[in-house]
């Protein structure tokens, strides 16, 4: 007896997740000379966004915030993704744990 294929069921379950990921707005932050560029980034309120963090420095950095849940290491000359939100309108700080005096910025949520 041949069992029914699970492929249609799996595709039906996974398709909504792929569609949601494709609709997520993406914003880029670049680490260079231990500074985030831009150091102020505007994102939409009440929307989950994806931050692409590109580290162009020769040393690792840890993207972190006490204003929203985020803590992730980005290795030298690498890129990571961090999902943020949805957040209410306001200003939310972030920083680089390893270079706090210079690697800092603000998400402006509007």
C-alpha atoms as a PDB file:
ATOM      1  CA  UNK A   1       0.000   0.000   0.000  1.00  0.00           C
ATOM      2  CA  UNK A   2       1.356   3.397  -0.985  1.00  0.00           C
ATOM      3  CA  UNK A   3       1.184   6.134   1.676  1.00  0.00           C
ATOM      4  CA  UNK A   4      -0.130   9.559   0.673  1.00  0.00           C
ATOM      5  CA  UNK A   5       2.473  12.223   0.006  1.00  0.00           C
ATOM      6  CA  UNK A   6       3.028  14.730   2.771  1.00  0.00           C
ATOM      7  CA  UNK A   7       4.557  17.276   0.388  1.00  0.00           C
ATOM      8  CA  UNK A   8       1.313  19.203  -0.300  1.00  0.00           C
ATOM      9  CA  UNK A   9       0.604  19.428   3.424  1.00  0.00           C
ATOM     10  CA  UNK A  10       4.147  20.595   4.211  1.00  0.00           C
ATOM     11  CA  UNK A  11       4.032  23.215   1.469  1.00  0.00           C
ATOM     12  CA  UNK A  12       0.671  24.484   2.707  1.00  0.00           C
ATOM     13  CA  UNK A  13       2.064  24.834   6.232  1.00  0.00           C
ATOM     14  CA  UNK A  14       5.358  26.469   5.207  1.00  0.00           C
ATOM     15  CA  UNK A  15       4.082  28.891   2.555  1.00  0.00           C
ATOM     16  CA  UNK A  16       2.610  31.407   5.040  1.00  0.00           C
ATOM     17  CA  UNK A  17       5.944  31.568   6.905  1.00  0.00           C
ATOM     18  CA  UNK A  18       7.834  32.251   3.664  1.00  0.00           C
ATOM     19  CA  UNK A  19       5.342  34.956   2.693  1.00  0.00           C
ATOM     20  CA  UNK A  20       5.660  36.628   6.109  1.00  0.00           C
ATOM     21  CA  UNK A  21       9.483  36.610   5.914  1.00  0.00           C
ATOM     22  CA  UNK A  22       9.378  38.077   2.401  1.00  0.00           C
ATOM     23  CA  UNK A  23       7.142  40.950   3.583  1.00  0.00           C
ATOM     24  CA  UNK A  24       9.396  41.931   6.507  1.00  0.00           C
ATOM     25  CA  UNK A  25      10.947  45.373   5.899  1.00  0.00           C
ATOM     26  CA  UNK A  26      14.750  45.217   5.992  1.00  0.00           C
ATOM     27  CA  UNK A  27      17.102  47.978   7.129  1.00  0.00           C
ATOM     28  CA  UNK A  28      20.912  47.987   7.105  1.00  0.00           C
ATOM     29  CA  UNK A  29      23.359  49.177   9.742  1.00  0.00           C
ATOM     30  CA  UNK A  30      27.069  49.170   8.908  1.00  0.00           C
ATOM     31  CA  UNK A  31      29.806  48.960  11.533  1.00  0.00           C
ATOM     32  CA  UNK A  32      32.911  50.772  10.375  1.00  0.00           C
ATOM     33  CA  UNK A  33      35.672  52.200  12.556  1.00  0.00           C
ATOM     34  CA  UNK A  34      33.660  50.932  15.559  1.00  0.00           C
ATOM     35  CA  UNK A  35      30.716  53.214  14.682  1.00  0.00           C
ATOM     36  CA  UNK A  36      27.229  52.418  13.400  1.00  0.00           C
ATOM     37  CA  UNK A  37      26.295  54.050  10.111  1.00  0.00           C
ATOM     38  CA  UNK A  38      23.751  55.486  10.177  1.00  0.00           C
ATOM     39  CA  UNK A  39      23.755  56.170  13.899  1.00  0.00           C
ATOM     40  CA  UNK A  40      20.040  57.051  13.712  1.00  0.00           C
ATOM     41  CA  UNK A  41      17.775  54.694  11.821  1.00  0.00           C
ATOM     42  CA  UNK A  42      14.065  55.332  11.216  1.00  0.00           C
ATOM     43  CA  UNK A  43      11.791  52.295  11.211  1.00  0.00           C
ATOM     44  CA  UNK A  44       7.998  51.951  11.124  1.00  0.00           C
ATOM     45  CA  UNK A  45       6.031  51.611  14.363  1.00  0.00           C
ATOM     46  CA  UNK A  46       4.067  48.452  15.156  1.00  0.00           C
ATOM     47  CA  UNK A  47       6.004  46.541  12.482  1.00  0.00           C
ATOM     48  CA  UNK A  48       8.448  43.683  12.866  1.00  0.00           C
ATOM     49  CA  UNK A  49      11.607  44.616  10.942  1.00  0.00           C
ATOM     50  CA  UNK A  50      14.812  42.885  10.006  1.00  0.00           C
ATOM     51  CA  UNK A  51      18.082  44.664  10.733  1.00  0.00           C
ATOM     52  CA  UNK A  52      21.012  43.580   8.591  1.00  0.00           C
ATOM     53  CA  UNK A  53      24.177  44.447  10.503  1.00  0.00           C
ATOM     54  CA  UNK A  54      27.321  44.526   8.374  1.00  0.00           C
ATOM     55  CA  UNK A  55      30.617  44.546  10.264  1.00  0.00           C
ATOM     56  CA  UNK A  56      33.372  46.018   8.094  1.00  0.00           C
ATOM     57  CA  UNK A  57      35.790  46.167  11.028  1.00  0.00           C
ATOM     58  CA  UNK A  58      38.618  43.650  11.556  1.00  0.00           C
ATOM     59  CA  UNK A  59      37.280  42.822  15.040  1.00  0.00           C
ATOM     60  CA  UNK A  60      34.006  41.286  16.260  1.00  0.00           C
ATOM     61  CA  UNK A  61      31.222  43.353  17.784  1.00  0.00           C
ATOM     62  CA  UNK A  62      28.114  42.508  19.769  1.00  0.00           C
ATOM     63  CA  UNK A  63      24.925  44.287  18.714  1.00  0.00           C
ATOM     64  CA  UNK A  64      22.944  44.900  21.883  1.00  0.00           C
ATOM     65  CA  UNK A  65      20.154  46.992  23.395  1.00  0.00           C
ATOM     66  CA  UNK A  66      18.559  47.442  26.782  1.00  0.00           C
ATOM     67  CA  UNK A  67      15.534  49.148  25.166  1.00  0.00           C
ATOM     68  CA  UNK A  68      14.445  46.151  23.055  1.00  0.00           C
ATOM     69  CA  UNK A  69      15.449  42.475  23.079  1.00  0.00           C
ATOM     70  CA  UNK A  70      18.651  42.140  21.054  1.00  0.00           C
ATOM     71  CA  UNK A  71      22.045  40.613  21.692  1.00  0.00           C
ATOM     72  CA  UNK A  72      24.021  39.052  18.877  1.00  0.00           C
ATOM     73  CA  UNK A  73      27.689  38.880  17.904  1.00  0.00           C
ATOM     74  CA  UNK A  74      28.736  39.871  14.406  1.00  0.00           C
ATOM     75  CA  UNK A  75      32.150  38.568  13.402  1.00  0.00           C
ATOM     76  CA  UNK A  76      34.699  40.669  11.454  1.00  0.00           C
ATOM     77  CA  UNK A  77      33.791  41.275   7.811  1.00  0.00           C
ATOM     78  CA  UNK A  78      30.458  39.492   8.293  1.00  0.00           C
ATOM     79  CA  UNK A  79      26.745  40.193   8.244  1.00  0.00           C
ATOM     80  CA  UNK A  80      24.039  39.115  10.676  1.00  0.00           C
ATOM     81  CA  UNK A  81      20.278  39.553  10.791  1.00  0.00           C
ATOM     82  CA  UNK A  82      18.344  40.635  13.875  1.00  0.00           C
ATOM     83  CA  UNK A  83      14.550  40.812  13.990  1.00  0.00           C
ATOM     84  CA  UNK A  84      13.174  43.708  16.026  1.00  0.00           C
ATOM     85  CA  UNK A  85       9.679  44.682  17.061  1.00  0.00           C
ATOM     86  CA  UNK A  86       6.992  45.435  16.671  1.00  0.00           C
ATOM     87  CA  UNK A  87       7.816  48.547  18.700  1.00  0.00           C
ATOM     88  CA  UNK A  88       5.711  51.511  19.795  1.00  0.00           C
ATOM     89  CA  UNK A  89       6.685  54.980  18.502  1.00  0.00           C
ATOM     90  CA  UNK A  90       9.700  56.369  20.316  1.00  0.00           C
ATOM     91  CA  UNK A  91      13.488  56.305  20.496  1.00  0.00           C
ATOM     92  CA  UNK A  92      15.328  53.071  21.277  1.00  0.00           C
ATOM     93  CA  UNK A  93      19.070  52.952  21.858  1.00  0.00           C
ATOM     94  CA  UNK A  94      21.466  50.236  20.694  1.00  0.00           C
ATOM     95  CA  UNK A  95      25.204  49.831  21.073  1.00  0.00           C
ATOM     96  CA  UNK A  96      28.208  47.640  20.420  1.00  0.00           C
ATOM     97  CA  UNK A  97      29.133  45.854  23.628  1.00  0.00           C
ATOM     98  CA  UNK A  98      32.850  45.706  22.739  1.00  0.00           C
ATOM     99  CA  UNK A  99      33.210  49.406  21.742  1.00  0.00           C
ATOM    100  CA  UNK A 100      30.537  51.209  23.757  1.00  0.00           C
ATOM    101  CA  UNK A 101      32.068  54.717  23.617  1.00  0.00           C
ATOM    102  CA  UNK A 102      31.772  54.859  19.806  1.00  0.00           C
ATOM    103  CA  UNK A 103      29.518  52.031  18.602  1.00  0.00           C
ATOM    104  CA  UNK A 104      26.120  53.402  19.545  1.00  0.00           C
ATOM    105  CA  UNK A 105      22.975  54.515  17.826  1.00  0.00           C
ATOM    106  CA  UNK A 106      19.236  55.037  17.995  1.00  0.00           C
ATOM    107  CA  UNK A 107      16.212  53.458  16.364  1.00  0.00           C
ATOM    108  CA  UNK A 108      13.616  56.158  15.751  1.00  0.00           C
ATOM    109  CA  UNK A 109      10.293  54.389  15.551  1.00  0.00           C
ATOM    110  CA  UNK A 110       7.514  56.348  13.888  1.00  0.00           C
END
